[in-house]
Protein backbone atom coordinates (compact mmCIF):
# COMPACT_ATOMS: atom_id res chain seq x y z
CA MET A 1 -0.14 0.01 0.03
CA LEU A 2 2.96 2.27 0.50
CA GLU A 3 3.97 1.84 -3.07
CA VAL A 4 0.68 2.50 -4.62
CA ARG A 5 0.06 5.48 -2.23
CA GLU A 6 3.60 7.09 -3.50
CA ILE A 7 2.46 6.71 -7.18
CA LEU A 8 -0.88 8.10 -6.88
CA ARG A 9 0.52 10.90 -4.82
CA GLN A 10 2.93 11.85 -7.50
CA TRP A 11 0.52 11.40 -10.13
CA LEU A 12 -2.07 13.73 -8.31
CA ALA A 13 0.81 16.12 -8.12
CA GLY A 14 0.98 16.42 -11.78
CA THR A 15 3.80 14.33 -12.62
CA ALA A 16 3.84 12.22 -15.73
CA ARG A 17 3.17 8.68 -15.37
CA LYS A 18 6.62 7.61 -17.19
CA ARG A 19 8.30 9.98 -14.88
CA VAL A 20 6.78 8.52 -11.77
CA ALA A 21 7.91 4.91 -13.12
CA ALA A 22 11.35 6.21 -13.40
CA ARG A 23 11.40 7.63 -9.99
CA LEU A 24 10.22 4.57 -8.25
CA SER A 25 11.77 1.98 -10.50
CA CYS A 26 8.76 0.27 -11.62
CA ASP A 27 7.13 -0.58 -14.70
CA PRO A 28 5.15 2.07 -16.62
CA LYS A 29 2.48 -0.52 -17.30
CA THR A 30 1.87 -0.87 -13.43
CA VAL A 31 1.83 3.12 -12.96
CA ARG A 32 -0.73 3.10 -15.98
CA ARG A 33 -2.76 0.30 -14.24
CA TYR A 34 -3.40 2.12 -10.95
CA VAL A 35 -3.59 5.52 -12.38
CA ARG A 36 -6.57 4.29 -14.59
CA ALA A 37 -8.15 2.62 -11.68
CA ALA A 38 -7.90 6.06 -9.66
CA ASP A 39 -9.33 7.77 -12.55
CA ARG A 40 -12.27 5.63 -12.52
CA LEU A 41 -12.85 6.12 -8.95
CA GLY A 42 -12.99 10.08 -9.49
CA LEU A 43 -9.38 11.13 -8.33
CA VAL A 44 -8.18 14.28 -10.70
CA PRO A 45 -4.75 15.51 -10.87
CA GLY A 46 -4.03 18.93 -9.41
CA ARG A 47 -6.65 18.84 -6.67
CA VAL A 48 -5.40 19.65 -3.34
CA ASP A 49 -8.27 18.61 -1.39
CA GLN A 50 -7.87 15.02 -2.30
CA ALA A 51 -6.77 12.94 0.66
CA LEU A 52 -4.92 9.51 -0.04
CA GLY A 53 -6.23 7.51 3.04
CA ASP A 54 -6.03 3.72 3.66
CA GLU A 55 -9.77 3.24 2.31
CA VAL A 56 -9.01 5.09 -1.00
CA VAL A 57 -5.70 3.21 -1.51
CA ALA A 58 -7.48 -0.10 -0.87
CA ALA A 59 -10.19 0.84 -3.40
CA VAL A 60 -7.65 1.53 -5.99
CA ILE A 61 -5.95 -1.58 -5.46
CA ALA A 62 -8.98 -3.58 -5.51
CA ALA A 63 -10.13 -1.88 -8.77
CA ALA A 64 -6.73 -2.46 -10.42
CA CYS A 65 -6.45 -6.03 -9.27
CA PRO A 66 -9.95 -7.67 -9.47
CA ALA A 67 -10.04 -11.10 -7.40
CA ARG A 68 -9.81 -13.95 -9.54
CA PRO A 69 -11.18 -17.53 -8.95
CA ALA A 70 -8.55 -20.08 -8.04
CA ALA A 71 -8.01 -22.39 -10.74
CA ARG A 72 -8.46 -26.03 -9.91
CA GLY A 73 -6.62 -28.99 -11.67
CA GLN A 74 -7.73 -32.10 -12.85
CA GLY A 75 -7.26 -33.83 -9.05
CA TRP A 76 -9.80 -31.68 -7.79
CA GLY A 77 -12.51 -32.65 -10.31
CA HIS A 78 -11.85 -36.08 -9.36
CA CYS A 79 -12.56 -35.34 -5.72
CA GLN A 80 -15.84 -33.71 -7.03
CA THR A 81 -16.87 -36.90 -8.95
CA GLN A 82 -15.89 -38.84 -5.48
CA ARG A 83 -17.55 -36.74 -3.22
CA GLU A 84 -20.09 -38.94 -1.91
CA PHE A 85 -17.47 -41.82 -1.44
CA ILE A 86 -14.92 -39.37 0.35
CA GLY A 87 -17.71 -37.81 2.71
CA ALA A 88 -18.98 -41.19 3.68
CA LYS A 89 -15.56 -42.46 4.62
CA LEU A 90 -14.82 -39.57 6.58
CA ALA A 91 -17.88 -39.59 8.49
CA ALA A 92 -16.89 -43.58 9.31
CA GLY A 93 -13.52 -42.15 10.66
CA VAL A 94 -11.23 -43.43 7.93
CA ARG A 95 -8.13 -41.66 7.68
CA LEU A 96 -7.30 -39.77 4.57
CA SER A 97 -4.25 -41.76 3.55
CA LYS A 98 -6.56 -44.82 3.69
CA ILE A 99 -9.35 -43.03 1.58
CA ARG A 100 -6.69 -42.14 -1.18
CA ARG A 101 -5.48 -45.89 -1.17
CA LEU A 102 -9.17 -47.03 -1.50
CA LEU A 103 -9.67 -44.66 -4.53
CA MET A 104 -6.48 -45.86 -6.33
CA ARG A 105 -7.79 -49.48 -5.99
CA SER A 106 -10.96 -48.14 -7.88
CA GLY A 107 -8.68 -46.52 -10.64
CA VAL A 108 -8.90 -42.81 -9.23
CA THR A 109 -5.52 -41.42 -8.24
CA ILE A 110 -5.51 -38.19 -6.46
CA PRO A 111 -2.52 -36.50 -4.90
CA TYR A 112 -2.59 -36.50 -1.09
CA PRO A 113 -2.35 -32.58 -0.77
CA THR A 114 -5.29 -32.26 -3.01
CA LEU A 115 -7.52 -34.41 -1.44
CA ARG A 116 -6.61 -33.04 1.91
CA ARG A 117 -7.71 -29.39 0.73
CA PHE A 118 -10.59 -30.84 -0.60
CA ALA A 119 -11.65 -32.46 2.73
CA ILE A 120 -10.85 -29.18 4.67
CA SER A 121 -12.78 -26.97 2.09
CA GLU A 122 -15.80 -29.23 1.70
CA PHE A 123 -16.31 -31.33 5.01
CA GLU A 124 -14.19 -29.02 7.49
CA HIS A 125 -12.00 -32.17 8.11
CA GLY A 126 -9.32 -31.53 10.83
CA ARG A 127 -8.88 -28.22 12.79
CA ARG A 128 -8.22 -25.93 10.07
CA GLY A 129 -9.85 -22.57 11.16
CA ALA A 130 -10.33 -23.43 14.80
CA VAL A 131 -10.01 -20.60 17.11
CA THR A 132 -7.01 -20.72 19.62
CA MET A 133 -6.36 -18.58 22.54
CA PRO A 134 -3.18 -18.44 24.52
CA VAL A 135 -3.52 -19.37 28.26
CA VAL A 136 -2.37 -16.83 30.78
CA ASP A 137 0.87 -17.46 32.23
CA GLY A 138 -0.72 -16.76 35.84
CA GLU A 139 1.21 -15.28 38.71
CA PRO A 140 5.11 -15.73 38.75
CA GLY A 141 6.40 -18.31 41.06
CA SER A 142 3.06 -20.18 41.27
CA GLU A 143 3.28 -22.96 38.66
CA VAL A 144 5.79 -25.20 37.31
CA GLN A 145 5.17 -27.81 34.49
CA LEU A 146 6.52 -31.34 34.51
CA ASP A 147 7.06 -33.71 31.65
CA THR A 148 9.32 -36.84 31.11
CA GLY A 149 10.55 -38.48 28.19
CA TRP A 150 13.56 -40.38 26.50
CA VAL A 151 16.45 -37.64 25.95
CA ILE A 152 19.82 -39.53 26.49
CA THR A 153 21.53 -42.30 24.66
CA LEU A 154 24.56 -43.67 26.77
CA ALA A 155 27.92 -44.28 25.14
CA PRO A 156 28.45 -48.19 24.27
CA ASP A 157 29.36 -50.08 27.42
CA GLU A 158 31.81 -52.90 27.45
CA HIS A 159 29.41 -55.03 25.59
CA GLY A 160 28.69 -52.47 22.93
CA HIS A 161 25.18 -52.07 24.15
CA CYS A 162 23.75 -48.27 23.91
CA ARG A 163 21.15 -47.77 26.59
CA LYS A 164 18.55 -44.93 26.62
CA LYS A 165 17.50 -42.87 29.52
CA LYS A 166 14.66 -40.61 30.75
CA ALA A 167 14.66 -37.34 32.41
CA TRP A 168 12.12 -35.27 34.32
CA ILE A 169 12.11 -31.89 32.84
CA PHE A 170 10.76 -28.92 34.95
CA THR A 171 9.76 -25.59 33.26
CA PRO A 172 8.23 -22.55 35.23
CA VAL A 173 5.34 -21.24 33.60
CA VAL A 174 6.43 -17.56 33.56
CA SER A 175 10.10 -17.43 33.11
CA ARG A 176 10.57 -21.08 31.17
CA TYR A 177 13.72 -21.50 33.32
CA ARG A 178 14.04 -25.34 32.93
CA PHE A 179 15.86 -27.99 34.87
CA VAL A 180 16.50 -31.43 33.74
CA TYR A 181 17.16 -34.36 36.07
CA PRO A 182 17.84 -37.66 34.22
CA ILE A 183 16.64 -40.90 35.68
CA GLU A 184 17.31 -44.69 35.56
CA HIS A 185 13.60 -45.62 35.56
CA GLU A 186 10.30 -43.56 35.54
CA THR A 187 8.99 -44.44 38.97
CA THR A 188 7.50 -42.57 42.03
CA GLU A 189 10.52 -42.84 43.76
CA SER A 190 12.35 -41.01 40.90
CA ALA A 191 9.78 -38.42 40.68
CA ILE A 192 10.05 -37.48 44.46
CA GLU A 193 13.96 -37.40 44.05
CA ALA A 194 13.64 -35.22 40.77
CA CYS A 195 11.22 -32.84 42.85
CA GLU A 196 13.72 -32.58 45.59
CA ALA A 197 16.90 -31.78 43.40
CA ALA A 198 14.34 -29.22 41.40
CA TRP A 199 13.41 -27.52 44.62
CA GLU A 200 17.33 -27.23 45.57
CA PHE A 201 17.97 -25.95 42.01
CA TYR A 202 15.06 -23.22 41.98
CA GLY A 203 15.70 -22.35 45.84
CA GLY A 204 12.10 -23.04 46.66
CA VAL A 205 8.88 -24.77 46.13
CA PHE A 206 6.35 -23.87 43.56
CA ALA A 207 2.88 -23.89 44.74
CA VAL A 208 1.30 -25.83 41.88
CA VAL A 209 2.85 -28.77 39.89
CA ILE A 210 1.35 -29.66 36.53
CA PRO A 211 2.31 -33.26 35.62
CA ASP A 212 1.14 -35.38 32.39
CA ASN A 213 -0.48 -38.32 33.24
CA THR A 214 2.45 -40.52 33.91
CA ALA A 215 1.91 -43.76 36.01
CA ALA A 216 4.58 -42.67 38.54
CA ILE A 217 2.16 -39.66 39.73
CA VAL A 218 -1.36 -40.44 38.42
CA ASP A 219 -2.92 -43.79 39.16
CA LEU A 220 -6.15 -42.85 37.29
CA ALA A 221 -6.52 -40.20 34.84
CA ASP A 222 -9.92 -38.35 35.17
CA PRO A 223 -10.41 -34.67 34.00
CA LEU A 224 -12.49 -33.78 37.22
CA GLY A 225 -10.76 -35.65 39.88
CA ALA A 226 -7.50 -37.94 38.93
CA THR A 227 -6.49 -40.52 41.52
CA ILE A 228 -2.92 -39.34 42.51
CA ASN A 229 -0.40 -41.90 43.70
CA THR A 230 -0.29 -42.26 47.48
CA ALA A 231 3.14 -41.84 47.98
CA PHE A 232 3.53 -38.64 45.67
CA LEU A 233 0.30 -37.27 47.34
CA GLU A 234 1.86 -37.56 50.66
CA TYR A 235 4.90 -36.13 49.58
CA SER A 236 3.21 -33.07 48.04
CA GLN A 237 1.27 -32.77 51.72
CA VAL A 238 4.96 -32.50 53.20
CA ARG A 239 6.17 -29.95 50.69
CA ASP A 240 2.91 -28.13 50.69
CA PHE A 241 2.18 -28.01 46.79
CA VAL A 242 -0.92 -28.73 44.89
CA ILE A 243 -0.89 -31.31 41.98
CA ASP A 244 -2.84 -30.39 39.16
CA PRO A 245 -2.50 -33.07 36.56
CA ALA A 246 -3.19 -32.29 32.76
CA ARG A 247 -5.96 -33.97 31.05
CA ALA A 248 -5.15 -37.15 29.06
CA ARG A 249 -4.23 -36.64 25.24
CA ARG A 250 -4.48 -32.57 26.20
CA ALA A 251 -1.19 -31.35 25.38
CA LYS A 252 -2.33 -27.69 25.75
CA ASP A 253 -2.97 -28.29 29.38
CA LYS A 254 0.82 -28.26 29.66
CA ALA A 255 1.99 -26.41 26.50
CA ARG A 256 4.96 -24.90 28.03
CA VAL A 257 6.81 -28.26 28.21
CA GLU A 258 5.11 -30.05 25.53
CA ARG A 259 8.27 -29.73 23.09
CA SER A 260 10.73 -29.47 26.06
CA VAL A 261 11.65 -33.43 25.53
CA ARG A 262 12.76 -32.43 21.88
CA ASP A 263 14.88 -29.47 22.99
CA VAL A 264 16.50 -31.27 25.55
CA ARG A 265 17.43 -34.25 23.38
CA ASP A 266 18.75 -32.19 20.56
CA ASP A 267 20.12 -29.06 22.31
CA CYS A 268 21.33 -30.57 25.48
CA TYR A 269 22.38 -34.16 24.91
CA ALA A 270 22.83 -34.43 21.02
CA GLY A 271 26.56 -34.73 20.00
CA GLU A 272 27.69 -35.27 23.63
CA THR A 273 29.38 -38.41 25.18
CA ILE A 274 27.49 -39.40 28.17
CA ARG A 275 28.57 -42.62 29.90
CA ASP A 276 26.43 -42.53 33.08
CA LEU A 277 23.68 -40.95 35.10
CA VAL A 278 26.09 -38.70 37.13
CA GLN A 279 27.64 -37.49 34.22
CA ALA A 280 24.21 -36.77 32.42
CA ARG A 281 22.90 -34.96 35.49
CA GLU A 282 26.02 -32.86 35.44
CA ARG A 283 25.66 -31.93 31.81
CA GLY A 284 21.86 -31.30 32.34
CA LEU A 285 22.71 -28.95 35.00
CA VAL A 286 25.33 -26.99 33.12
CA TRP A 287 22.85 -26.80 30.06
CA SER A 288 20.15 -25.53 32.41
CA VAL A 289 22.31 -22.58 33.79
CA HIS A 290 24.66 -21.40 31.30
CA GLU A 291 23.24 -22.53 28.19
CA TYR A 292 19.58 -22.50 28.04
CA GLY A 293 19.24 -20.12 30.95
CA MET A 294 21.26 -17.52 29.53
CA ARG A 295 19.66 -17.47 25.81
CA ARG A 296 16.95 -14.94 25.10
CA HIS A 297 13.56 -16.73 24.85
CA THR A 298 11.64 -16.03 21.85
CA THR A 299 8.29 -15.75 23.60
CA THR A 300 9.13 -13.79 26.83
CA GLY A 301 12.00 -11.82 25.13
CA ARG A 302 14.11 -12.22 28.27
CA MET A 303 16.82 -14.64 29.42
CA PRO A 304 15.04 -17.53 31.46
CA LYS A 305 17.51 -17.28 34.33
CA GLU A 306 17.36 -13.48 34.64
CA HIS A 307 13.76 -13.54 34.33
CA PHE A 308 13.25 -16.36 37.08
CA LEU A 309 15.72 -14.73 39.66
CA ALA A 310 13.99 -11.25 39.21
CA ASP A 311 10.46 -12.32 39.07
CA GLU A 312 9.50 -15.80 40.26
CA GLN A 313 12.22 -16.92 42.96
CA PRO A 314 11.34 -14.40 45.43
CA ARG A 315 7.68 -15.50 45.49
CA LEU A 316 8.39 -19.45 45.77
CA LEU A 317 7.56 -21.29 49.00
CA ALA A 318 10.38 -22.05 51.46
CA ALA A 319 12.92 -24.62 50.26
CA PRO A 320 13.20 -27.89 52.17
CA GLU A 321 15.59 -27.84 55.13
CA SER A 322 15.99 -31.61 55.33
CA PRO A 323 15.83 -34.56 52.75
CA TYR A 324 12.30 -36.21 52.29
CA ASP A 325 12.30 -39.88 53.67
CA ILE A 326 10.84 -41.50 50.51
CA PRO A 327 8.08 -44.08 51.87
CA LEU A 328 7.07 -47.23 50.18
CA TRP A 329 3.33 -48.03 50.01
CA CYS A 330 2.01 -51.40 49.21
CA ASP A 331 -0.84 -53.80 49.96
CA PRO A 332 0.60 -57.01 51.20
CA LYS A 333 -1.73 -59.90 51.98
CA VAL A 334 -1.56 -61.77 55.36
CA PRO A 335 -0.51 -65.51 55.06
CA ARG A 336 -1.52 -68.10 57.42
CA ASP A 337 1.95 -67.81 59.04
CA HIS A 338 1.23 -64.44 60.22
CA LEU A 339 4.33 -62.72 58.25
CA ALA A 340 3.49 -59.97 55.65
CA SER A 341 6.08 -59.46 53.15
CA VAL A 342 7.14 -55.55 52.65
CA ALA A 343 10.07 -54.68 50.71
CA ARG A 344 11.39 -58.39 51.13
CA GLY A 345 11.12 -58.17 55.03
CA LEU A 346 8.74 -60.12 57.02
CA TYR A 347 6.51 -58.69 59.81
CA SER A 348 4.13 -60.50 62.29
CA LEU A 349 0.40 -59.52 62.31
CA PRO A 350 -2.27 -60.62 64.51
CA THR A 351 -4.38 -63.98 63.72
CA GLU A 352 -7.48 -62.02 62.90
CA TYR A 353 -6.00 -60.53 59.85
CA ILE A 354 -4.97 -63.76 58.01
CA GLY A 355 -6.14 -63.86 54.52
CA GLN A 356 -6.84 -60.03 54.35
CA ARG A 357 -4.97 -57.37 52.32
CA LEU A 358 -3.67 -54.37 54.34
CA ARG A 359 -2.28 -51.04 53.53
CA ALA A 360 1.37 -50.82 54.50
CA ARG A 361 3.73 -47.75 54.57
CA ALA A 362 7.32 -48.53 54.87
CA ASP A 363 10.00 -45.81 55.53
CA SER A 364 13.53 -45.92 56.53
CA GLN A 365 12.80 -46.40 60.17
CA THR A 366 9.25 -47.97 60.67
CA VAL A 367 6.57 -49.96 58.66
CA ARG A 368 3.04 -49.21 59.57
CA PHE A 369 0.31 -51.48 58.66
CA TYR A 370 -3.36 -50.00 58.03
CA ALA A 371 -6.79 -51.91 58.19
CA PRO A 372 -9.58 -50.56 56.00
CA GLY A 373 -10.78 -47.47 56.98
CA GLY A 374 -7.26 -45.97 57.82
CA ARG A 375 -6.95 -47.63 61.48
CA VAL A 376 -3.24 -48.46 62.30
CA VAL A 377 -2.97 -52.30 62.92
CA LYS A 378 0.64 -52.74 63.85
CA ILE A 379 4.08 -50.65 63.77
CA HIS A 380 7.10 -52.65 63.23
CA GLU A 381 10.64 -51.49 62.99
CA ARG A 382 12.23 -51.52 59.45
CA VAL A 383 14.20 -54.66 58.94
CA GLY A 384 16.16 -55.54 55.98
CA PRO A 385 15.42 -58.08 53.11
CA GLY A 386 15.26 -61.78 54.25
CA GLU A 387 14.98 -60.66 58.11
CA LYS A 388 11.85 -60.64 60.32
CA SER A 389 10.19 -58.53 62.83
CA ILE A 390 8.29 -60.62 65.10
CA ASP A 391 5.66 -59.73 68.10
CA ALA A 392 5.13 -62.95 69.98
CA THR A 393 1.59 -61.55 71.04
CA ASP A 394 0.41 -61.64 67.47
CA PHE A 395 0.44 -65.77 67.67
CA PRO A 396 -2.18 -67.85 69.31
CA PRO A 397 -1.03 -68.30 72.96
CA GLU A 398 -0.91 -72.23 72.62
CA ARG A 399 1.61 -71.86 69.43
CA SER A 400 3.41 -68.99 70.70
CA THR A 401 5.83 -70.94 72.87
CA TYR A 402 6.82 -73.32 70.15
CA THR A 403 7.20 -70.50 67.24
CA MET A 404 9.12 -68.30 69.73
CA ARG A 405 11.28 -71.10 71.18
CA ASP A 406 10.60 -69.90 74.49
CA VAL A 407 12.41 -72.66 76.48
CA ASP A 408 12.04 -70.98 79.75
CA PHE A 409 8.25 -70.94 79.40
CA LEU A 410 8.08 -74.61 78.75
CA ARG A 411 10.47 -75.29 81.77
CA SER A 412 7.95 -73.28 84.09
CA GLN A 413 5.12 -74.92 82.67
CA ALA A 414 6.59 -78.25 83.57
CA ALA A 415 7.43 -77.17 87.07
CA GLU A 416 3.81 -76.18 87.75
CA HIS A 417 3.16 -80.02 87.81
CA GLY A 418 5.72 -80.70 90.57
CA PRO A 419 9.29 -80.22 91.35
CA VAL A 420 10.46 -83.52 90.19
CA ILE A 421 8.74 -83.35 86.54
CA GLY A 422 10.43 -79.59 86.36
CA GLN A 423 13.69 -81.03 87.19
CA TYR A 424 13.29 -83.88 84.47
CA ALA A 425 12.21 -81.08 81.96
CA SER A 426 15.18 -79.24 82.88
CA ARG A 427 17.42 -82.35 82.26
CA LEU A 428 15.72 -82.55 78.90
CA LEU A 429 16.51 -79.07 77.96
CA ASP A 430 20.22 -79.41 79.04
CA SER A 431 21.61 -79.18 75.60
CA PRO A 432 23.58 -76.61 73.59
CA LEU A 433 20.72 -76.25 71.39
CA PRO A 434 17.71 -76.33 73.85
CA TRP A 435 15.06 -75.70 71.39
CA THR A 436 15.78 -78.89 69.44
CA ARG A 437 14.52 -80.81 72.64
CA MET A 438 11.28 -78.81 72.96
CA ARG A 439 9.11 -81.60 71.51
CA GLN A 440 10.27 -83.84 74.03
CA VAL A 441 9.17 -81.42 76.68
CA ARG A 442 5.86 -80.94 75.09
CA ALA A 443 5.71 -84.76 74.96
CA LEU A 444 6.34 -84.97 78.80
CA LEU A 445 3.43 -82.57 79.45
CA SER A 446 1.30 -84.67 77.44
CA LEU A 447 2.12 -87.72 79.46
CA VAL A 448 1.05 -85.63 82.50
CA GLY A 449 -2.15 -85.01 81.04
CA LYS A 450 -2.48 -88.66 80.09
CA TYR A 451 -1.16 -90.64 83.39
CA GLY A 452 -1.49 -87.88 85.82
CA ALA A 453 0.96 -85.67 87.57
CA ASP A 454 1.80 -88.17 90.48
CA ARG A 455 2.47 -91.35 88.37
CA VAL A 456 4.50 -89.21 86.11
CA ALA A 457 6.44 -87.66 88.80
CA GLU A 458 7.01 -91.30 90.39
CA ALA A 459 8.26 -92.46 86.92
CA CYS A 460 10.57 -89.31 86.61
CA SER A 461 12.00 -89.72 90.20
CA THR A 462 13.02 -93.55 89.09
CA ALA A 463 14.34 -92.29 85.80
CA LEU A 464 16.62 -89.45 87.61
CA VAL A 465 18.01 -92.06 89.68
CA PHE A 466 19.21 -94.08 86.75
CA ASP A 467 20.00 -91.11 84.66
CA LEU A 468 17.38 -92.45 82.21
CA ILE A 469 16.70 -88.99 80.46
CA ASP A 470 14.55 -90.31 77.53
CA VAL A 471 10.63 -89.42 77.12
CA ARG A 472 10.40 -92.67 75.11
CA ARG A 473 11.71 -94.82 77.86
CA LEU A 474 9.73 -93.01 80.35
CA GLN A 475 6.60 -93.51 78.22
CA ARG A 476 7.20 -97.28 78.22
CA MET A 477 7.46 -97.18 82.14
CA LEU A 478 4.33 -95.64 82.32
CA GLU A 479 2.66 -98.02 79.93
CA GLN A 480 3.49 -101.03 82.19
CA PRO A 481 0.67 -101.78 84.93
CA PRO A 482 1.36 -100.58 88.18
CA PRO A 483 2.62 -103.41 90.68
CA PRO A 484 -0.02 -104.81 92.88
CA ALA A 485 -0.52 -103.58 96.47
CA THR A 486 1.15 -106.20 98.97
CA THR A 487 -0.58 -106.67 102.40
CA ALA A 488 1.50 -109.41 104.49
CA ALA A 489 4.62 -111.16 103.91
CA ALA A 490 3.84 -114.76 103.04
CA PRO A 491 6.26 -117.57 104.09
CA ALA A 492 8.53 -118.54 101.37
CA ARG A 493 7.67 -121.65 99.55
CA ALA A 494 10.37 -124.49 98.73
CA THR A 495 10.98 -124.52 94.98
CA VAL A 496 10.96 -128.04 93.57
CA ILE A 497 12.76 -128.79 90.30
CA PRO A 498 10.61 -131.02 88.28
CA ILE A 499 12.48 -134.08 86.61
CA ALA A 500 13.12 -133.45 83.10
CA ARG A 501 10.73 -135.19 80.75
CA TYR A 502 13.33 -137.07 78.73
CA LEU A 503 15.66 -137.82 81.76
CA ARG A 504 16.59 -141.63 81.65
CA ASP A 505 18.65 -144.15 83.66
CA PRO A 506 22.13 -144.92 82.25
CA SER A 507 21.45 -148.64 82.28
CA GLN A 508 18.77 -148.06 79.55
CA TYR A 509 21.36 -147.36 76.93
CA ALA A 510 22.72 -150.16 74.69
CA LEU A 511 26.50 -149.58 74.91
CA PRO A 512 27.80 -148.88 78.32
CA LEU A 513 29.73 -145.41 78.67
CA ARG A 514 33.44 -146.06 78.86
CA ARG A 515 36.36 -143.62 79.81
CA ARG A 516 38.40 -142.69 76.71
CA ALA A 517 42.09 -143.02 77.51
CA ASN A 518 44.17 -139.86 77.54
CA LYS A 519 46.44 -139.93 74.35
CA THR A 520 48.99 -137.76 76.00
CA THR A 521 49.84 -140.97 78.21
CA PRO A 522 50.64 -143.96 75.70
CA GLU A 523 52.06 -146.05 78.52
CA GLU A 524 48.64 -146.53 80.08
CA PRO A 525 46.77 -149.44 78.33
CA SER A 526 43.68 -148.94 76.56
CA ASP A 527 40.28 -150.52 77.64
CA GLU A 528 39.66 -151.36 74.04
């Protein structure tokens, strides 16, 4: 419009058309076209009262360059002939690329750009022409957006394998001063660890954290009431910030970090030789502070680090003074042996909870078990993997003695039936491994219940005299009938030895018995 206005201004001042073209370095035909259009609109050279406003210049341009209908090619004609087919497939949710292949099968070849323009123009396909509005940044220091993605490819290890690693990326909504924290795995523990590092980096805590619907933070995505992971929700309560997760598949809810993964991957770690997470975190810190933080942002027009230090950091919540003890939440089932497993450690629970699932929270010091409704069932000290924390009161009283190997209780239980039985039980337990003899003491107590304390005490007394410390021998002694009671001593009767049944007189034998001569004395004559 400036060039056309200059042509008209000089022409109205009385300058010839060719002279105007020479002064403005344009074609005389161009000057003639605009001058003829101005003449048709009533402009006359030499009149001083004629103003060249924007409306007059726009009218001259419209008169000199009338709108021409866009020329359509052969592909558009094919689209017109297949209009019903294309509309039906789009209504059924078929993709444009698939519609194009279906048309090619029927012998109709349409370039994809032409088919796309036709679908947008005739069926309003896609979001062309949709109204968009930028979201207000909000108050400085109030919101930080959180995203995660694959950003690092580590250098080959000794086996030649290249591993990929993710990173948590924090972006304040106002200043865009990013912080990158690479991780080994995307878990709730790594999310809390990254947040702790971010609060140290920023020197304070943001009031609102806007994450995506990662499973490490959000258990169930919902636009109105998402279910937050219990461990991360507890962490947010301790650090006093609010979790406002974005809606599922709604990138505009956290638009400030939507392209951060690509930028961190290509600008921070691309071309670098990174061998481990320690080196990756050091590189991410250098990039955040000295490279990205000192580069003028195209949207804000300010350097992110300077912008953050000036406007956002003074409004942050107080930074944590002590490290956070990351808890572990789980739902163990209480088996029949009363020992529930939490982080590979075993913890005893009362008999009434066998077969139920309890909510467990384990930190570095304690393990708490909660019943449905939030009632605390048991608190144990934290033990390592493979270790046990047992409370004897959790077991049934009739079985706790054996399960806890309480030999003193067995000894006292035997002594209740008499000192002799208690002494015999002590002799049974007199061993370098007394718990290996507990079954024998329990067998001794069962003999007391079967035969009575007096009779068992008498048998124990006899066994102690002969140092017979064996419950099986004691049981056989008790199984024999007791000796009959004696009244008066009867005179001893003579014992008559009966004659043997086959005893005979020597005269009954056919040959008499002869004495054999001693072979050592040859001088004596033989009887034969």
